[in-house]
N, C-alpha and C. Protein backbone atom coordinates (compact mmCIF):
# COMPACT_ATOMS: atom_id res chain seq x y z
N MET A 1 -12.67 -14.32 24.13
CA MET A 1 -11.39 -14.70 23.92
C MET A 1 -10.98 -14.95 25.24
N SER A 2 -10.03 -16.16 25.37
CA SER A 2 -9.77 -16.30 27.05
C SER A 2 -8.65 -15.33 27.53
N LYS A 3 -8.17 -15.47 28.56
CA LYS A 3 -7.25 -14.89 29.14
C LYS A 3 -6.16 -14.86 28.76
N THR A 4 -6.03 -16.17 28.35
CA THR A 4 -4.29 -16.46 27.79
C THR A 4 -4.19 -16.22 26.29
N GLU A 5 -5.26 -16.08 25.74
CA GLU A 5 -5.11 -15.41 24.50
C GLU A 5 -4.30 -14.40 24.15
N LYS A 6 -3.34 -14.33 22.96
CA LYS A 6 -2.83 -12.98 23.16
C LYS A 6 -3.38 -12.23 21.75
N ILE A 7 -3.73 -10.96 21.77
CA ILE A 7 -4.26 -10.19 21.04
C ILE A 7 -3.05 -9.59 20.00
N MET A 8 -3.20 -10.07 18.70
CA MET A 8 -1.97 -9.92 17.65
C MET A 8 -1.95 -8.72 17.18
N THR A 9 -0.77 -8.04 17.10
CA THR A 9 -0.53 -6.50 16.66
C THR A 9 -0.82 -6.76 14.78
N ILE A 10 -0.95 -5.45 14.29
CA ILE A 10 -1.30 -5.32 13.00
C ILE A 10 -0.11 -5.95 12.13
N ASP A 11 1.44 -5.80 12.82
CA ASP A 11 2.50 -6.13 11.91
C ASP A 11 2.36 -7.64 12.41
N GLU A 12 2.18 -8.16 13.10
CA GLU A 12 1.86 -9.71 13.57
C GLU A 12 1.03 -10.12 12.40
N LYS A 13 -0.24 -9.78 12.39
CA LYS A 13 -1.27 -9.90 11.42
C LYS A 13 -0.72 -9.86 9.75
N LEU A 14 -0.09 -8.88 9.75
CA LEU A 14 0.25 -8.88 8.36
C LEU A 14 1.66 -9.49 7.67
N SER A 15 2.33 -10.27 8.89
CA SER A 15 3.48 -11.27 8.70
C SER A 15 2.68 -12.59 7.88
N LEU A 16 1.47 -12.86 8.30
CA LEU A 16 0.59 -13.87 8.08
C LEU A 16 0.65 -13.92 6.51
N THR A 17 0.79 -12.79 5.69
CA THR A 17 0.58 -12.92 4.30
C THR A 17 1.60 -13.17 3.40
N LYS A 18 1.42 -13.89 2.52
CA LYS A 18 2.24 -14.26 1.35
C LYS A 18 2.42 -13.35 0.26
N LEU A 19 3.16 -12.80 -0.33
CA LEU A 19 3.02 -11.66 -1.52
C LEU A 19 4.05 -12.62 -2.43
N THR A 20 3.27 -12.29 -3.66
CA THR A 20 4.13 -13.05 -5.08
C THR A 20 4.02 -11.86 -5.94
N THR A 21 5.28 -11.08 -6.29
CA THR A 21 4.95 -9.87 -7.18
C THR A 21 5.47 -10.30 -8.51
N ASP A 22 4.74 -9.62 -9.64
CA ASP A 22 5.11 -9.66 -10.83
C ASP A 22 6.03 -8.52 -11.15
N LYS A 23 7.52 -8.88 -11.72
CA LYS A 23 8.11 -7.95 -11.71
C LYS A 23 8.16 -7.23 -13.12
N ASN A 24 7.04 -7.71 -14.15
CA ASN A 24 7.06 -7.25 -15.12
C ASN A 24 5.80 -6.15 -15.31
N TYR A 25 4.84 -6.38 -14.13
CA TYR A 25 3.51 -5.45 -14.19
C TYR A 25 3.54 -4.88 -12.87
N GLU A 26 3.14 -3.58 -12.58
CA GLU A 26 2.69 -2.98 -11.66
C GLU A 26 1.35 -2.91 -11.71
N HIS A 27 0.63 -3.40 -10.66
CA HIS A 27 -0.70 -3.48 -10.73
C HIS A 27 -1.67 -1.97 -10.02
N ILE A 28 -0.51 -1.22 -9.53
CA ILE A 28 -0.99 0.11 -9.12
C ILE A 28 0.33 1.06 -9.48
N THR A 29 -0.25 2.35 -10.23
CA THR A 29 0.52 3.26 -10.85
C THR A 29 0.19 4.62 -9.80
N VAL A 30 0.58 5.61 -9.53
CA VAL A 30 0.76 6.77 -8.81
C VAL A 30 0.88 7.90 -9.87
N ASN A 31 0.05 8.92 -10.27
CA ASN A 31 0.67 10.02 -11.02
C ASN A 31 0.91 11.09 -10.01
N GLN A 32 2.33 11.21 -10.22
CA GLN A 32 3.03 11.88 -9.26
C GLN A 32 2.87 13.54 -9.59
N GLU A 33 2.51 13.80 -10.95
CA GLU A 33 2.13 15.08 -11.22
C GLU A 33 1.04 15.73 -10.22
N ILE A 34 0.03 14.71 -10.15
CA ILE A 34 -1.04 15.10 -9.09
C ILE A 34 -0.73 15.11 -7.68
N CYS A 35 0.40 14.20 -7.22
CA CYS A 35 0.50 14.21 -5.95
C CYS A 35 1.56 15.62 -5.03
N ARG A 36 2.25 16.06 -6.38
CA ARG A 36 2.84 17.35 -5.87
C ARG A 36 2.09 18.24 -5.64
N LYS A 37 0.34 18.30 -5.92
CA LYS A 37 -0.29 19.22 -5.47
C LYS A 37 -1.15 19.03 -4.33
N CYS A 38 -0.79 17.79 -3.82
CA CYS A 38 -1.92 17.35 -2.49
C CYS A 38 -1.28 17.88 -1.21
N LYS A 39 -2.04 18.35 -0.46
CA LYS A 39 -1.75 19.03 0.71
C LYS A 39 -2.10 17.81 1.72
N THR A 40 -2.86 16.81 1.70
CA THR A 40 -3.19 15.74 2.77
C THR A 40 -2.66 14.67 2.74
N PHE A 41 -2.45 13.86 1.40
CA PHE A 41 -1.43 12.86 1.64
C PHE A 41 -2.34 11.92 2.32
N ASP A 42 -3.52 11.52 1.80
CA ASP A 42 -4.43 10.37 2.92
C ASP A 42 -3.72 9.13 2.59
N CYS A 43 -3.19 8.89 1.31
CA CYS A 43 -2.66 7.69 0.88
C CYS A 43 -1.76 7.20 1.74
N VAL A 44 -0.72 7.98 2.19
CA VAL A 44 0.37 7.50 3.43
C VAL A 44 -0.46 7.20 4.88
N TYR A 45 -1.52 7.88 5.34
CA TYR A 45 -1.99 7.50 6.24
C TYR A 45 -3.24 6.25 6.28
N ALA A 46 -3.40 5.96 5.23
CA ALA A 46 -4.49 4.51 5.01
C ALA A 46 -4.20 3.56 4.50
N CYS A 47 -2.71 3.41 3.82
CA CYS A 47 -2.40 2.10 3.61
C CYS A 47 -1.64 1.39 4.57
N PRO A 48 -2.32 0.18 4.94
CA PRO A 48 -1.98 -0.78 6.00
C PRO A 48 -0.45 -1.42 5.60
N ALA A 49 0.10 -1.39 4.43
CA ALA A 49 1.00 -1.91 4.08
C ALA A 49 2.46 -1.07 3.98
N ASN A 50 1.85 0.18 4.02
CA ASN A 50 3.05 1.14 4.13
C ASN A 50 3.84 1.20 2.64
N CYS A 51 2.99 1.29 1.61
CA CYS A 51 3.41 1.45 0.45
C CYS A 51 3.64 2.68 -0.21
N TYR A 52 2.89 3.67 0.56
CA TYR A 52 3.27 4.94 0.55
C TYR A 52 4.11 5.89 1.67
N LYS A 53 5.31 6.36 0.98
CA LYS A 53 6.25 6.96 2.29
C LYS A 53 6.29 8.38 1.92
N PHE A 54 6.39 9.22 2.41
CA PHE A 54 7.05 10.84 2.71
C PHE A 54 8.42 10.58 2.33
N SER A 55 8.81 11.50 0.98
CA SER A 55 10.29 11.71 0.51
C SER A 55 10.83 12.44 1.50
N GLU A 56 12.23 12.20 1.68
CA GLU A 56 13.14 12.99 2.30
C GLU A 56 13.95 13.93 1.48
N GLY A 57 14.16 15.11 2.19
CA GLY A 57 14.92 16.22 1.50
C GLY A 57 14.56 17.12 0.70
N GLU A 58 14.89 17.93 0.83
CA GLU A 58 14.53 19.21 -0.16
C GLU A 58 14.63 18.94 -1.52
N GLU A 59 15.34 18.40 -2.15
CA GLU A 59 15.41 17.99 -3.83
C GLU A 59 14.74 17.03 -4.25
N VAL A 60 13.51 16.58 -4.04
CA VAL A 60 12.96 15.48 -4.28
C VAL A 60 11.82 15.90 -5.52
N ASP A 61 11.66 14.99 -6.06
CA ASP A 61 10.97 14.93 -7.37
C ASP A 61 9.41 15.12 -6.79
N SER A 62 9.04 14.03 -6.01
CA SER A 62 7.78 14.07 -5.42
C SER A 62 7.59 14.05 -4.13
N PRO A 63 6.46 14.54 -3.27
CA PRO A 63 6.61 14.48 -1.75
C PRO A 63 6.70 13.27 -1.10
N ILE A 64 5.77 12.03 -2.28
CA ILE A 64 5.79 10.42 -1.59
C ILE A 64 6.45 9.64 -2.62
N ILE A 65 7.09 8.49 -1.98
CA ILE A 65 7.46 7.37 -2.59
C ILE A 65 6.53 6.36 -2.67
N PHE A 66 6.54 5.68 -3.63
CA PHE A 66 5.41 4.29 -3.85
C PHE A 66 6.27 3.34 -3.91
N ASP A 67 6.04 2.16 -3.38
CA ASP A 67 6.65 0.68 -3.84
C ASP A 67 5.10 -0.02 -3.84
N TYR A 68 4.69 -0.68 -5.00
CA TYR A 68 3.54 -1.67 -4.77
C TYR A 68 3.60 -3.21 -4.55
N ALA A 69 5.27 -3.27 -4.31
CA ALA A 69 5.27 -4.98 -3.69
C ALA A 69 4.52 -5.13 -2.65
N PRO A 70 4.73 -4.31 -1.49
CA PRO A 70 4.12 -5.15 -0.37
C PRO A 70 2.39 -5.07 -0.42
N CYS A 71 1.93 -4.81 -1.42
CA CYS A 71 0.35 -4.35 -1.36
C CYS A 71 -0.52 -5.17 -0.86
N LEU A 72 -1.51 -5.27 -0.14
CA LEU A 72 -2.15 -6.06 0.30
C LEU A 72 -3.48 -6.29 -0.23
N GLU A 73 -3.98 -5.12 -1.50
CA GLU A 73 -5.01 -5.50 -2.23
C GLU A 73 -6.12 -4.84 -1.93
N CYS A 74 -6.06 -3.86 -0.65
CA CYS A 74 -7.21 -3.63 0.05
C CYS A 74 -7.94 -2.54 -0.55
N GLY A 75 -7.39 -1.64 -1.58
CA GLY A 75 -7.51 -0.47 -2.10
C GLY A 75 -7.91 0.38 -1.27
N SER A 76 -7.33 0.66 -0.11
CA SER A 76 -7.58 2.01 0.66
C SER A 76 -7.19 3.41 -0.02
N CYS A 77 -5.90 3.06 -0.94
CA CYS A 77 -5.36 4.13 -1.39
C CYS A 77 -6.27 4.66 -2.42
N ARG A 78 -6.83 4.12 -3.00
CA ARG A 78 -7.55 4.35 -4.48
C ARG A 78 -9.19 4.96 -3.76
N ILE A 79 -9.54 4.65 -2.84
CA ILE A 79 -10.58 4.95 -2.26
C ILE A 79 -10.65 6.47 -1.31
N VAL A 80 -9.37 6.74 -0.69
CA VAL A 80 -8.77 7.96 0.06
C VAL A 80 -8.27 8.87 -0.61
N CYS A 81 -7.67 8.49 -1.92
CA CYS A 81 -7.18 9.74 -2.74
C CYS A 81 -8.44 10.75 -3.01
N PRO A 82 -8.31 12.11 -2.71
CA PRO A 82 -9.22 12.64 -3.35
C PRO A 82 -9.21 13.36 -4.68
N HIS A 83 -8.02 12.77 -5.03
CA HIS A 83 -7.42 13.85 -6.48
C HIS A 83 -7.70 12.65 -7.73
N GLY A 84 -7.65 11.27 -7.45
CA GLY A 84 -7.69 10.46 -8.48
C GLY A 84 -6.13 10.06 -8.95
N SER A 85 -5.31 10.22 -8.07
CA SER A 85 -3.74 9.87 -8.64
C SER A 85 -3.36 8.50 -8.86
N VAL A 86 -4.31 7.64 -7.88
CA VAL A 86 -3.86 6.31 -8.14
C VAL A 86 -4.80 5.33 -8.97
N ASP A 87 -3.86 4.94 -9.82
CA ASP A 87 -4.58 3.88 -10.72
C ASP A 87 -4.35 2.27 -10.63
N TRP A 88 -5.27 1.63 -9.63
CA TRP A 88 -5.28 0.47 -9.27
C TRP A 88 -6.02 -0.55 -10.07
N HIS A 89 -5.47 -1.90 -10.01
CA HIS A 89 -5.91 -3.01 -10.69
C HIS A 89 -5.32 -3.99 -9.98
N TYR A 90 -6.28 -5.01 -9.66
CA TYR A 90 -5.93 -6.42 -9.19
C TYR A 90 -4.43 -7.32 -10.22
N PRO A 91 -3.72 -7.48 -9.05
CA PRO A 91 -2.28 -8.12 -9.89
C PRO A 91 -3.20 -9.38 -10.86
N LYS A 92 -2.27 -9.57 -11.90
CA LYS A 92 -2.60 -10.99 -12.83
C LYS A 92 -2.48 -12.08 -11.81
N GLY A 93 -3.39 -13.00 -12.53
CA GLY A 93 -3.31 -14.39 -12.29
C GLY A 93 -2.03 -14.86 -11.74
N GLY A 94 -2.05 -15.36 -10.21
CA GLY A 94 -1.00 -15.89 -9.77
C GLY A 94 -0.11 -15.23 -8.93
N PHE A 95 -0.47 -13.98 -9.20
CA PHE A 95 0.47 -13.34 -8.20
C PHE A 95 -0.62 -12.55 -7.44
N GLY A 96 0.01 -11.51 -6.56
CA GLY A 96 -0.45 -10.79 -5.69
C GLY A 96 -0.43 -11.29 -3.81
N VAL A 97 -1.41 -11.09 -3.39
CA VAL A 97 -1.45 -11.53 -1.82
C VAL A 97 -2.25 -12.73 -1.70
N GLU A 98 -1.51 -13.72 -0.79
CA GLU A 98 -2.16 -15.05 -0.37
C GLU A 98 -2.32 -14.63 1.38
N TYR A 99 -3.52 -14.44 1.71
CA TYR A 99 -3.94 -14.63 3.01
C TYR A 99 -3.91 -16.18 3.61
N LYS A 100 -3.05 -16.23 5.15
CA LYS A 100 -3.00 -17.81 5.39
C LYS A 100 -3.87 -17.64 6.91
N ASN A 101 -4.15 -18.67 7.18
CA ASN A 101 -5.07 -18.48 8.47
C ASN A 101 -4.12 -18.66 9.69
N SER A 102 -4.18 -17.83 10.46
CA SER A 102 -3.55 -17.51 11.83
C SER A 102 -3.81 -18.74 12.66
């Protein structure tokens, strides 16, 4: 790499993706009952698209909030969850992530 080339941040790289979400089909579901028992929340730390976030406040149903829409289909959440809480499938044809060249 030459001195003039800029190293891209992860946010800049993520901005190069195009996501098409199927509003009628969630390709990932999370078993919140299992999540309530989790102590490590590996999914929150492993997901590069920030699909998993900690819930705020004391009166919450689950310790995490999940949104499948920005998913990059990397499968990290499924791999790192030690309890099997994540049910993950590829999106239907025509939906999901489309990577562009930088």
